[in-house]
């Protein structure tokens, strides 16, 4: 019988095949302009739905299909565990374990035909991350970790960067606009400016790709002020097992409360190699 980490790896593989098949069609259409809506229509590409009127959040049929594949496999392997899926919601269980699933992280990238998207499966025991996996299907990379077991990409150990000078590293910062309260976005841009002035360069995919670049040591850190539980559990355990720090935007420990209402709780994150994390906190909060 497969371990829970083994089930994560196997399930990510199956979901990746499904998503890649759909992405081939999406990217081919994007190359010819076939998936683009007319500019005057101000609408998302064909087959893409904006969630709850929020232009920052979109949904495709592939998100739903990937979620169904993952849910079916997790329920078959561990029928007593709960599952929280971004699209289908909470499916209760009787054990202490909760699977936290993002069937496509970076759906806007996926729908636009760009390869910087991922699939994330995290596992909580109580409220603690104990295992997780992230697949970057278009790049052929799968990241896995479990508590105390280290982190790997395609079977090889990974570590966060040993670099201690933020000026020598790339930093990612994911930004979603707050059109209802635009002053929040303007304030965030001021905080971002301090980081940009004190790192080598800024990178933004606003997807799991950025977090995995921290885990493998390509980026020094990654920050995001607008996320949900499914954006965090899997990368949290992977980055910590790779030697990094993973906190909320203010540097406080992440707190996860699995359950039926967990998906409604907003989250932020600041993750980096330990010394760089401290420097990011100084810059963000004016230290």
C-alpha atoms as a PDB file:
ATOM      1  CA  UNK A   1       0.000   0.000   0.000  1.00  0.00           C
ATOM      2  CA  UNK A   2       1.291   3.448  -0.910  1.00  0.00           C
ATOM      3  CA  UNK A   3       2.199   5.903   1.814  1.00  0.00           C
ATOM      4  CA  UNK A   4       0.470   9.271   1.836  1.00  0.00           C
ATOM      5  CA  UNK A   5       3.525  10.832   0.184  1.00  0.00           C
ATOM      6  CA  UNK A   6       3.421   8.088  -2.430  1.00  0.00           C
ATOM      7  CA  UNK A   7      -0.229   8.854  -3.097  1.00  0.00           C
ATOM      8  CA  UNK A   8       0.632  12.542  -3.505  1.00  0.00           C
ATOM      9  CA  UNK A   9       3.274  11.696  -6.104  1.00  0.00           C
ATOM     10  CA  UNK A  10       1.054   9.272  -8.003  1.00  0.00           C
ATOM     11  CA  UNK A  11      -1.931  11.623  -7.942  1.00  0.00           C
ATOM     12  CA  UNK A  12       0.111  14.592  -9.109  1.00  0.00           C
ATOM     13  CA  UNK A  13       1.332  12.479 -12.008  1.00  0.00           C
ATOM     14  CA  UNK A  14      -2.187  11.558 -13.115  1.00  0.00           C
ATOM     15  CA  UNK A  15      -3.485  15.119 -12.742  1.00  0.00           C
ATOM     16  CA  UNK A  16      -0.470  16.482 -14.610  1.00  0.00           C
ATOM     17  CA  UNK A  17      -1.193  14.310 -17.628  1.00  0.00           C
ATOM     18  CA  UNK A  18      -4.778  15.535 -17.700  1.00  0.00           C
ATOM     19  CA  UNK A  19      -3.786  19.194 -17.329  1.00  0.00           C
ATOM     20  CA  UNK A  20      -0.972  18.952 -19.881  1.00  0.00           C
ATOM     21  CA  UNK A  21      -3.318  17.543 -22.503  1.00  0.00           C
ATOM     22  CA  UNK A  22      -5.633  20.492 -22.009  1.00  0.00           C
ATOM     23  CA  UNK A  23      -2.734  22.954 -21.914  1.00  0.00           C
ATOM     24  CA  UNK A  24      -1.499  21.774 -25.300  1.00  0.00           C
ATOM     25  CA  UNK A  25      -4.811  22.851 -26.810  1.00  0.00           C
ATOM     26  CA  UNK A  26      -4.883  26.112 -24.843  1.00  0.00           C
ATOM     27  CA  UNK A  27      -1.344  27.117 -25.783  1.00  0.00           C
ATOM     28  CA  UNK A  28      -1.904  26.219 -29.432  1.00  0.00           C
ATOM     29  CA  UNK A  29      -5.013  28.376 -29.455  1.00  0.00           C
ATOM     30  CA  UNK A  30      -3.185  31.227 -27.757  1.00  0.00           C
ATOM     31  CA  UNK A  31      -0.498  31.105 -30.450  1.00  0.00           C
ATOM     32  CA  UNK A  32      -3.124  31.660 -33.139  1.00  0.00           C
ATOM     33  CA  UNK A  33      -5.279  34.009 -31.077  1.00  0.00           C
ATOM     34  CA  UNK A  34      -8.131  31.497 -31.023  1.00  0.00           C
ATOM     35  CA  UNK A  35      -8.588  31.606 -27.247  1.00  0.00           C
ATOM     36  CA  UNK A  36      -8.575  35.359 -27.027  1.00  0.00           C
ATOM     37  CA  UNK A  37     -11.813  37.219 -26.609  1.00  0.00           C
ATOM     38  CA  UNK A  38     -12.355  40.349 -28.732  1.00  0.00           C
ATOM     39  CA  UNK A  39     -10.826  43.362 -27.022  1.00  0.00           C
ATOM     40  CA  UNK A  40     -14.082  45.301 -27.065  1.00  0.00           C
ATOM     41  CA  UNK A  41     -15.888  42.515 -25.230  1.00  0.00           C
ATOM     42  CA  UNK A  42     -13.728  42.881 -22.076  1.00  0.00           C
ATOM     43  CA  UNK A  43     -14.393  39.186 -21.419  1.00  0.00           C
ATOM     44  CA  UNK A  44     -12.098  36.305 -20.414  1.00  0.00           C
ATOM     45  CA  UNK A  45     -10.924  33.797 -23.054  1.00  0.00           C
ATOM     46  CA  UNK A  46     -13.364  31.144 -24.203  1.00  0.00           C
ATOM     47  CA  UNK A  47     -13.992  28.510 -21.554  1.00  0.00           C
ATOM     48  CA  UNK A  48     -12.754  30.752 -18.744  1.00  0.00           C
ATOM     49  CA  UNK A  49     -15.104  32.018 -16.041  1.00  0.00           C
ATOM     50  CA  UNK A  50     -14.372  34.889 -13.656  1.00  0.00           C
ATOM     51  CA  UNK A  51     -15.094  33.833 -10.067  1.00  0.00           C
ATOM     52  CA  UNK A  52     -17.636  35.903  -8.157  1.00  0.00           C
ATOM     53  CA  UNK A  53     -17.006  38.959 -10.286  1.00  0.00           C
ATOM     54  CA  UNK A  54     -13.341  39.105  -9.186  1.00  0.00           C
ATOM     55  CA  UNK A  55     -11.142  39.529 -12.249  1.00  0.00           C
ATOM     56  CA  UNK A  56      -8.145  38.266 -10.229  1.00  0.00           C
ATOM     57  CA  UNK A  57      -9.703  34.784  -9.967  1.00  0.00           C
ATOM     58  CA  UNK A  58     -10.629  32.689 -12.971  1.00  0.00           C
ATOM     59  CA  UNK A  59     -11.842  29.135 -13.455  1.00  0.00           C
ATOM     60  CA  UNK A  60     -11.579  26.680 -16.372  1.00  0.00           C
ATOM     61  CA  UNK A  61     -13.079  23.282 -17.063  1.00  0.00           C
ATOM     62  CA  UNK A  62      -9.597  21.863 -16.585  1.00  0.00           C
ATOM     63  CA  UNK A  63      -9.520  23.103 -12.972  1.00  0.00           C
ATOM     64  CA  UNK A  64     -12.692  21.120 -12.338  1.00  0.00           C
ATOM     65  CA  UNK A  65     -11.469  18.010 -14.169  1.00  0.00           C
ATOM     66  CA  UNK A  66      -8.140  18.072 -12.329  1.00  0.00           C
ATOM     67  CA  UNK A  67      -9.942  18.499  -9.018  1.00  0.00           C
ATOM     68  CA  UNK A  68     -12.219  15.533  -9.725  1.00  0.00           C
ATOM     69  CA  UNK A  69      -9.231  13.338 -10.601  1.00  0.00           C
ATOM     70  CA  UNK A  70      -7.392  14.293  -7.433  1.00  0.00           C
ATOM     71  CA  UNK A  71     -10.437  13.931  -5.179  1.00  0.00           C
ATOM     72  CA  UNK A  72     -11.271  10.495  -6.595  1.00  0.00           C
ATOM     73  CA  UNK A  73      -7.751   9.211  -6.019  1.00  0.00           C
ATOM     74  CA  UNK A  74      -7.366  10.638  -2.513  1.00  0.00           C
ATOM     75  CA  UNK A  75     -10.751   9.314  -1.403  1.00  0.00           C
ATOM     76  CA  UNK A  76      -9.995   5.870  -2.820  1.00  0.00           C
ATOM     77  CA  UNK A  77      -6.637   5.669  -1.048  1.00  0.00           C
ATOM     78  CA  UNK A  78      -7.670   7.212   2.282  1.00  0.00           C
ATOM     79  CA  UNK A  79     -11.469   7.252   2.560  1.00  0.00           C
ATOM     80  CA  UNK A  80     -11.461   8.483   6.170  1.00  0.00           C
ATOM     81  CA  UNK A  81      -9.403  11.605   5.464  1.00  0.00           C
ATOM     82  CA  UNK A  82     -11.043  14.961   4.766  1.00  0.00           C
ATOM     83  CA  UNK A  83     -10.354  16.776   1.501  1.00  0.00           C
ATOM     84  CA  UNK A  84     -10.532  20.530   0.937  1.00  0.00           C
ATOM     85  CA  UNK A  85     -10.482  21.331  -2.768  1.00  0.00           C
ATOM     86  CA  UNK A  86     -10.419  24.905  -4.048  1.00  0.00           C
ATOM     87  CA  UNK A  87     -13.175  24.279  -6.559  1.00  0.00           C
ATOM     88  CA  UNK A  88     -15.438  21.574  -5.079  1.00  0.00           C
ATOM     89  CA  UNK A  89     -15.115  22.616  -1.445  1.00  0.00           C
ATOM     90  CA  UNK A  90     -14.844  20.581   1.743  1.00  0.00           C
ATOM     91  CA  UNK A  91     -15.396  16.823   1.881  1.00  0.00           C
ATOM     92  CA  UNK A  92     -15.425  15.724   5.517  1.00  0.00           C
ATOM     93  CA  UNK A  93     -13.624  12.783   7.093  1.00  0.00           C
ATOM     94  CA  UNK A  94     -13.215  11.050  10.431  1.00  0.00           C
ATOM     95  CA  UNK A  95      -9.403  10.954  10.678  1.00  0.00           C
ATOM     96  CA  UNK A  96      -6.998  13.686  11.837  1.00  0.00           C
ATOM     97  CA  UNK A  97      -5.835  14.266   8.257  1.00  0.00           C
ATOM     98  CA  UNK A  98      -7.020  16.870   5.748  1.00  0.00           C
ATOM     99  CA  UNK A  99      -5.830  17.008   2.150  1.00  0.00           C
ATOM    100  CA  UNK A 100      -5.687  20.573   0.815  1.00  0.00           C
ATOM    101  CA  UNK A 101      -5.860  20.744  -2.965  1.00  0.00           C
ATOM    102  CA  UNK A 102      -5.343  23.411  -5.609  1.00  0.00           C
ATOM    103  CA  UNK A 103      -6.103  21.601  -8.891  1.00  0.00           C
ATOM    104  CA  UNK A 104      -4.468  24.361 -10.937  1.00  0.00           C
ATOM    105  CA  UNK A 105      -2.533  27.112  -9.208  1.00  0.00           C
ATOM    106  CA  UNK A 106      -1.974  29.978 -11.615  1.00  0.00           C
ATOM    107  CA  UNK A 107      -5.123  29.397 -13.658  1.00  0.00           C
ATOM    108  CA  UNK A 108      -4.802  32.821 -15.285  1.00  0.00           C
ATOM    109  CA  UNK A 109      -1.385  31.775 -16.601  1.00  0.00           C
ATOM    110  CA  UNK A 110      -2.730  28.409 -17.757  1.00  0.00           C
ATOM    111  CA  UNK A 111      -5.682  30.018 -19.540  1.00  0.00           C
ATOM    112  CA  UNK A 112      -3.379  32.488 -21.301  1.00  0.00           C
ATOM    113  CA  UNK A 113      -1.187  29.687 -22.621  1.00  0.00           C
ATOM    114  CA  UNK A 114       1.835  30.407 -20.413  1.00  0.00           C
ATOM    115  CA  UNK A 115       3.595  27.471 -18.699  1.00  0.00           C
ATOM    116  CA  UNK A 116       3.973  28.949 -15.208  1.00  0.00           C
ATOM    117  CA  UNK A 117       1.209  27.094 -13.386  1.00  0.00           C
ATOM    118  CA  UNK A 118       1.137  24.187 -10.973  1.00  0.00           C
ATOM    119  CA  UNK A 119      -0.909  21.562  -9.161  1.00  0.00           C
ATOM    120  CA  UNK A 120      -0.680  21.467  -5.372  1.00  0.00           C
ATOM    121  CA  UNK A 121      -1.593  18.822  -2.823  1.00  0.00           C
ATOM    122  CA  UNK A 122      -0.835  19.485   0.821  1.00  0.00           C
ATOM    123  CA  UNK A 123      -1.582  17.329   3.850  1.00  0.00           C
ATOM    124  CA  UNK A 124      -2.446  18.579   7.325  1.00  0.00           C
ATOM    125  CA  UNK A 125      -2.503  16.479  10.477  1.00  0.00           C
ATOM    126  CA  UNK A 126      -4.643  18.567  12.745  1.00  0.00           C
ATOM    127  CA  UNK A 127      -3.443  22.006  11.729  1.00  0.00           C
ATOM    128  CA  UNK A 128       0.178  21.074  10.969  1.00  0.00           C
ATOM    129  CA  UNK A 129       1.548  20.528   7.445  1.00  0.00           C
ATOM    130  CA  UNK A 130       3.088  17.045   7.350  1.00  0.00           C
ATOM    131  CA  UNK A 131       3.484  16.347   3.625  1.00  0.00           C
ATOM    132  CA  UNK A 132       3.032  18.071   0.317  1.00  0.00           C
ATOM    133  CA  UNK A 133       3.647  17.967  -3.369  1.00  0.00           C
ATOM    134  CA  UNK A 134       3.689  20.498  -6.170  1.00  0.00           C
ATOM    135  CA  UNK A 135       3.789  19.595  -9.847  1.00  0.00           C
ATOM    136  CA  UNK A 136       4.816  22.074 -12.536  1.00  0.00           C
ATOM    137  CA  UNK A 137       3.447  20.011 -15.439  1.00  0.00           C
ATOM    138  CA  UNK A 138       4.631  22.170 -18.340  1.00  0.00           C
ATOM    139  CA  UNK A 139       8.180  22.115 -16.924  1.00  0.00           C
ATOM    140  CA  UNK A 140       8.234  18.404 -16.073  1.00  0.00           C
ATOM    141  CA  UNK A 141       9.009  19.032 -12.404  1.00  0.00           C
ATOM    142  CA  UNK A 142       7.500  17.456  -9.291  1.00  0.00           C
ATOM    143  CA  UNK A 143       8.414  18.666  -5.806  1.00  0.00           C
ATOM    144  CA  UNK A 144       7.740  16.467  -2.768  1.00  0.00           C
ATOM    145  CA  UNK A 145       8.361  16.714   0.964  1.00  0.00           C
ATOM    146  CA  UNK A 146       7.264  15.218   4.246  1.00  0.00           C
ATOM    147  CA  UNK A 147       8.017  16.319   7.778  1.00  0.00           C
ATOM    148  CA  UNK A 148      11.536  15.313   8.762  1.00  0.00           C
ATOM    149  CA  UNK A 149      12.289  13.783   5.360  1.00  0.00           C
ATOM    150  CA  UNK A 150      13.693  16.705   3.406  1.00  0.00           C
ATOM    151  CA  UNK A 151      12.496  18.059   0.070  1.00  0.00           C
ATOM    152  CA  UNK A 152      13.108  16.760  -3.434  1.00  0.00           C
ATOM    153  CA  UNK A 153      12.528  17.728  -7.048  1.00  0.00           C
ATOM    154  CA  UNK A 154      12.200  14.793  -9.425  1.00  0.00           C
ATOM    155  CA  UNK A 155      13.825  12.615  -6.779  1.00  0.00           C
ATOM    156  CA  UNK A 156      16.849  14.838  -6.134  1.00  0.00           C
ATOM    157  CA  UNK A 157      17.364  16.724  -2.841  1.00  0.00           C
ATOM    158  CA  UNK A 158      16.835  20.484  -2.945  1.00  0.00           C
ATOM    159  CA  UNK A 159      17.779  23.325  -0.585  1.00  0.00           C
ATOM    160  CA  UNK A 160      17.045  27.019  -0.384  1.00  0.00           C
ATOM    161  CA  UNK A 161      19.838  29.346  -1.422  1.00  0.00           C
ATOM    162  CA  UNK A 162      22.815  29.754   0.937  1.00  0.00           C
ATOM    163  CA  UNK A 163      23.136  33.372  -0.238  1.00  0.00           C
ATOM    164  CA  UNK A 164      22.753  35.875   2.619  1.00  0.00           C
ATOM    165  CA  UNK A 165      22.783  39.133   0.632  1.00  0.00           C
ATOM    166  CA  UNK A 166      19.363  40.026  -0.746  1.00  0.00           C
ATOM    167  CA  UNK A 167      21.025  42.246  -3.354  1.00  0.00           C
ATOM    168  CA  UNK A 168      22.418  39.083  -4.914  1.00  0.00           C
ATOM    169  CA  UNK A 169      19.097  37.256  -5.204  1.00  0.00           C
ATOM    170  CA  UNK A 170      15.884  37.273  -7.192  1.00  0.00           C
ATOM    171  CA  UNK A 171      12.675  37.838  -5.242  1.00  0.00           C
ATOM    172  CA  UNK A 172       9.103  37.063  -6.309  1.00  0.00           C
ATOM    173  CA  UNK A 173       6.096  39.070  -5.135  1.00  0.00           C
ATOM    174  CA  UNK A 174       2.614  38.047  -6.226  1.00  0.00           C
ATOM    175  CA  UNK A 175       0.155  40.931  -6.541  1.00  0.00           C
ATOM    176  CA  UNK A 176      -3.621  40.845  -6.913  1.00  0.00           C
ATOM    177  CA  UNK A 177      -5.271  44.222  -7.276  1.00  0.00           C
ATOM    178  CA  UNK A 178      -7.766  45.405  -4.685  1.00  0.00           C
ATOM    179  CA  UNK A 179     -10.100  47.433  -6.880  1.00  0.00           C
ATOM    180  CA  UNK A 180     -12.620  47.907  -4.082  1.00  0.00           C
ATOM    181  CA  UNK A 181     -10.000  49.515  -1.863  1.00  0.00           C
ATOM    182  CA  UNK A 182      -7.326  50.804  -4.274  1.00  0.00           C
ATOM    183  CA  UNK A 183      -5.327  52.481  -1.522  1.00  0.00           C
ATOM    184  CA  UNK A 184      -4.425  48.975  -0.286  1.00  0.00           C
ATOM    185  CA  UNK A 185      -2.815  48.185  -3.636  1.00  0.00           C
ATOM    186  CA  UNK A 186      -0.985  51.514  -3.683  1.00  0.00           C
ATOM    187  CA  UNK A 187       0.329  50.883  -0.161  1.00  0.00           C
ATOM    188  CA  UNK A 188       1.492  47.418  -1.199  1.00  0.00           C
ATOM    189  CA  UNK A 189       3.355  48.914  -4.168  1.00  0.00           C
ATOM    190  CA  UNK A 190       5.265  51.131  -1.755  1.00  0.00           C
ATOM    191  CA  UNK A 191       6.298  48.071   0.247  1.00  0.00           C
ATOM    192  CA  UNK A 192       7.208  46.254  -2.949  1.00  0.00           C
ATOM    193  CA  UNK A 193       9.352  49.202  -4.052  1.00  0.00           C
ATOM    194  CA  UNK A 194      11.538  48.823  -0.950  1.00  0.00           C
ATOM    195  CA  UNK A 195      12.161  45.185  -1.838  1.00  0.00           C
ATOM    196  CA  UNK A 196      12.837  45.931  -5.516  1.00  0.00           C
ATOM    197  CA  UNK A 197      15.418  48.556  -4.511  1.00  0.00           C
ATOM    198  CA  UNK A 198      17.194  46.045  -2.290  1.00  0.00           C
ATOM    199  CA  UNK A 199      17.215  42.804  -4.316  1.00  0.00           C
ATOM    200  CA  UNK A 200      18.886  41.889  -7.589  1.00  0.00           C
ATOM    201  CA  UNK A 201      15.660  41.700  -9.603  1.00  0.00           C
ATOM    202  CA  UNK A 202      11.940  41.096  -9.164  1.00  0.00           C
ATOM    203  CA  UNK A 203      10.109  38.122 -10.678  1.00  0.00           C
ATOM    204  CA  UNK A 204       6.339  37.613 -10.749  1.00  0.00           C
ATOM    205  CA  UNK A 205       4.385  34.597 -11.981  1.00  0.00           C
ATOM    206  CA  UNK A 206       1.921  34.743  -9.065  1.00  0.00           C
ATOM    207  CA  UNK A 207       1.804  30.954  -9.029  1.00  0.00           C
ATOM    208  CA  UNK A 208       3.325  27.893  -7.393  1.00  0.00           C
ATOM    209  CA  UNK A 209       6.299  28.324  -9.708  1.00  0.00           C
ATOM    210  CA  UNK A 210       7.581  31.228  -7.587  1.00  0.00           C
ATOM    211  CA  UNK A 211       7.412  29.272  -4.331  1.00  0.00           C
ATOM    212  CA  UNK A 212       9.171  26.278  -5.863  1.00  0.00           C
ATOM    213  CA  UNK A 213      11.969  28.530  -7.119  1.00  0.00           C
ATOM    214  CA  UNK A 214      12.530  29.487  -3.475  1.00  0.00           C
ATOM    215  CA  UNK A 215      12.558  25.822  -2.451  1.00  0.00           C
ATOM    216  CA  UNK A 216      15.196  24.895  -5.027  1.00  0.00           C
ATOM    217  CA  UNK A 217      17.366  27.946  -4.333  1.00  0.00           C
ATOM    218  CA  UNK A 218      16.813  29.833  -7.591  1.00  0.00           C
ATOM    219  CA  UNK A 219      14.992  32.689  -5.833  1.00  0.00           C
ATOM    220  CA  UNK A 220      15.895  34.147  -2.475  1.00  0.00           C
ATOM    221  CA  UNK A 221      12.312  34.756  -1.353  1.00  0.00           C
ATOM    222  CA  UNK A 222       8.659  35.098  -2.269  1.00  0.00           C
ATOM    223  CA  UNK A 223       5.887  37.275  -0.836  1.00  0.00           C
ATOM    224  CA  UNK A 224       2.116  37.318  -1.341  1.00  0.00           C
ATOM    225  CA  UNK A 225      -0.631  39.253   0.446  1.00  0.00           C
ATOM    226  CA  UNK A 226      -3.671  37.634  -1.184  1.00  0.00           C
ATOM    227  CA  UNK A 227      -4.066  33.869  -0.926  1.00  0.00           C
ATOM    228  CA  UNK A 228      -6.049  30.994   0.568  1.00  0.00           C
ATOM    229  CA  UNK A 229      -5.169  27.843   2.463  1.00  0.00           C
ATOM    230  CA  UNK A 230      -4.711  25.743  -0.713  1.00  0.00           C
ATOM    231  CA  UNK A 231      -2.026  28.180  -1.916  1.00  0.00           C
ATOM    232  CA  UNK A 232       0.060  27.538   1.186  1.00  0.00           C
ATOM    233  CA  UNK A 233       0.000  24.078   2.751  1.00  0.00           C
ATOM    234  CA  UNK A 234       1.980  22.185   0.086  1.00  0.00           C
ATOM    235  CA  UNK A 235       4.658  24.854  -0.533  1.00  0.00           C
ATOM    236  CA  UNK A 236       4.914  25.489   3.206  1.00  0.00           C
ATOM    237  CA  UNK A 237       6.147  21.976   4.016  1.00  0.00           C
ATOM    238  CA  UNK A 238       8.323  21.798   0.891  1.00  0.00           C
ATOM    239  CA  UNK A 239      10.123  25.073   1.599  1.00  0.00           C
ATOM    240  CA  UNK A 240      10.588  24.340   5.294  1.00  0.00           C
ATOM    241  CA  UNK A 241      11.990  20.893   4.510  1.00  0.00           C
ATOM    242  CA  UNK A 242      14.328  22.596   2.024  1.00  0.00           C
ATOM    243  CA  UNK A 243      15.654  24.736   4.882  1.00  0.00           C
ATOM    244  CA  UNK A 244      13.587  27.893   4.405  1.00  0.00           C
ATOM    245  CA  UNK A 245      11.253  29.930   6.592  1.00  0.00           C
ATOM    246  CA  UNK A 246       7.553  30.161   5.766  1.00  0.00           C
ATOM    247  CA  UNK A 247       5.503  32.714   7.718  1.00  0.00           C
ATOM    248  CA  UNK A 248       2.680  35.125   7.122  1.00  0.00           C
ATOM    249  CA  UNK A 249       3.376  38.594   5.703  1.00  0.00           C
ATOM    250  CA  UNK A 250       4.105  39.951   9.173  1.00  0.00           C
ATOM    251  CA  UNK A 251       6.555  37.185  10.043  1.00  0.00           C
ATOM    252  CA  UNK A 252       4.162  35.311  12.356  1.00  0.00           C
ATOM    253  CA  UNK A 253       3.730  31.514  12.188  1.00  0.00           C
ATOM    254  CA  UNK A 254       1.159  30.234   9.726  1.00  0.00           C
ATOM    255  CA  UNK A 255      -2.004  28.985  11.431  1.00  0.00           C
ATOM    256  CA  UNK A 256      -4.241  26.523   9.571  1.00  0.00           C
ATOM    257  CA  UNK A 257      -7.741  25.639  10.736  1.00  0.00           C
ATOM    258  CA  UNK A 258      -8.970  22.797   8.524  1.00  0.00           C
ATOM    259  CA  UNK A 259     -12.699  22.374   8.216  1.00  0.00           C
ATOM    260  CA  UNK A 260     -15.733  23.395   6.257  1.00  0.00           C
ATOM    261  CA  UNK A 261     -15.003  27.124   6.486  1.00  0.00           C
ATOM    262  CA  UNK A 262     -11.245  26.941   5.943  1.00  0.00           C
ATOM    263  CA  UNK A 263     -11.473  28.037   2.329  1.00  0.00           C
ATOM    264  CA  UNK A 264     -12.926  31.427   3.271  1.00  0.00           C
ATOM    265  CA  UNK A 265      -9.980  32.455   5.463  1.00  0.00           C
ATOM    266  CA  UNK A 266      -7.547  34.898   3.805  1.00  0.00           C
ATOM    267  CA  UNK A 267      -3.827  34.152   4.056  1.00  0.00           C
ATOM    268  CA  UNK A 268      -0.605  35.997   3.357  1.00  0.00           C
ATOM    269  CA  UNK A 269       2.902  34.615   3.165  1.00  0.00           C
ATOM    270  CA  UNK A 270       6.544  35.611   3.309  1.00  0.00           C
ATOM    271  CA  UNK A 271       8.958  32.793   2.574  1.00  0.00           C
ATOM    272  CA  UNK A 272      12.707  32.810   2.059  1.00  0.00           C
ATOM    273  CA  UNK A 273      16.022  31.399   3.160  1.00  0.00           C
ATOM    274  CA  UNK A 274      16.327  32.272   6.886  1.00  0.00           C
ATOM    275  CA  UNK A 275      18.723  35.236   6.680  1.00  0.00           C
ATOM    276  CA  UNK A 276      16.914  36.638   3.645  1.00  0.00           C
ATOM    277  CA  UNK A 277      13.566  36.233   5.391  1.00  0.00           C
ATOM    278  CA  UNK A 278      14.765  38.488   8.201  1.00  0.00           C
ATOM    279  CA  UNK A 279      15.938  41.081   5.668  1.00  0.00           C
ATOM    280  CA  UNK A 280      12.617  40.989   3.808  1.00  0.00           C
ATOM    281  CA  UNK A 281      10.777  41.572   7.049  1.00  0.00           C
ATOM    282  CA  UNK A 282      12.964  44.612   7.774  1.00  0.00           C
ATOM    283  CA  UNK A 283      12.252  46.085   4.350  1.00  0.00           C
ATOM    284  CA  UNK A 284       8.535  45.327   4.316  1.00  0.00           C
ATOM    285  CA  UNK A 285       7.884  46.764   7.743  1.00  0.00           C
ATOM    286  CA  UNK A 286      10.336  49.628   7.686  1.00  0.00           C
ATOM    287  CA  UNK A 287      12.880  48.166  10.053  1.00  0.00           C
END
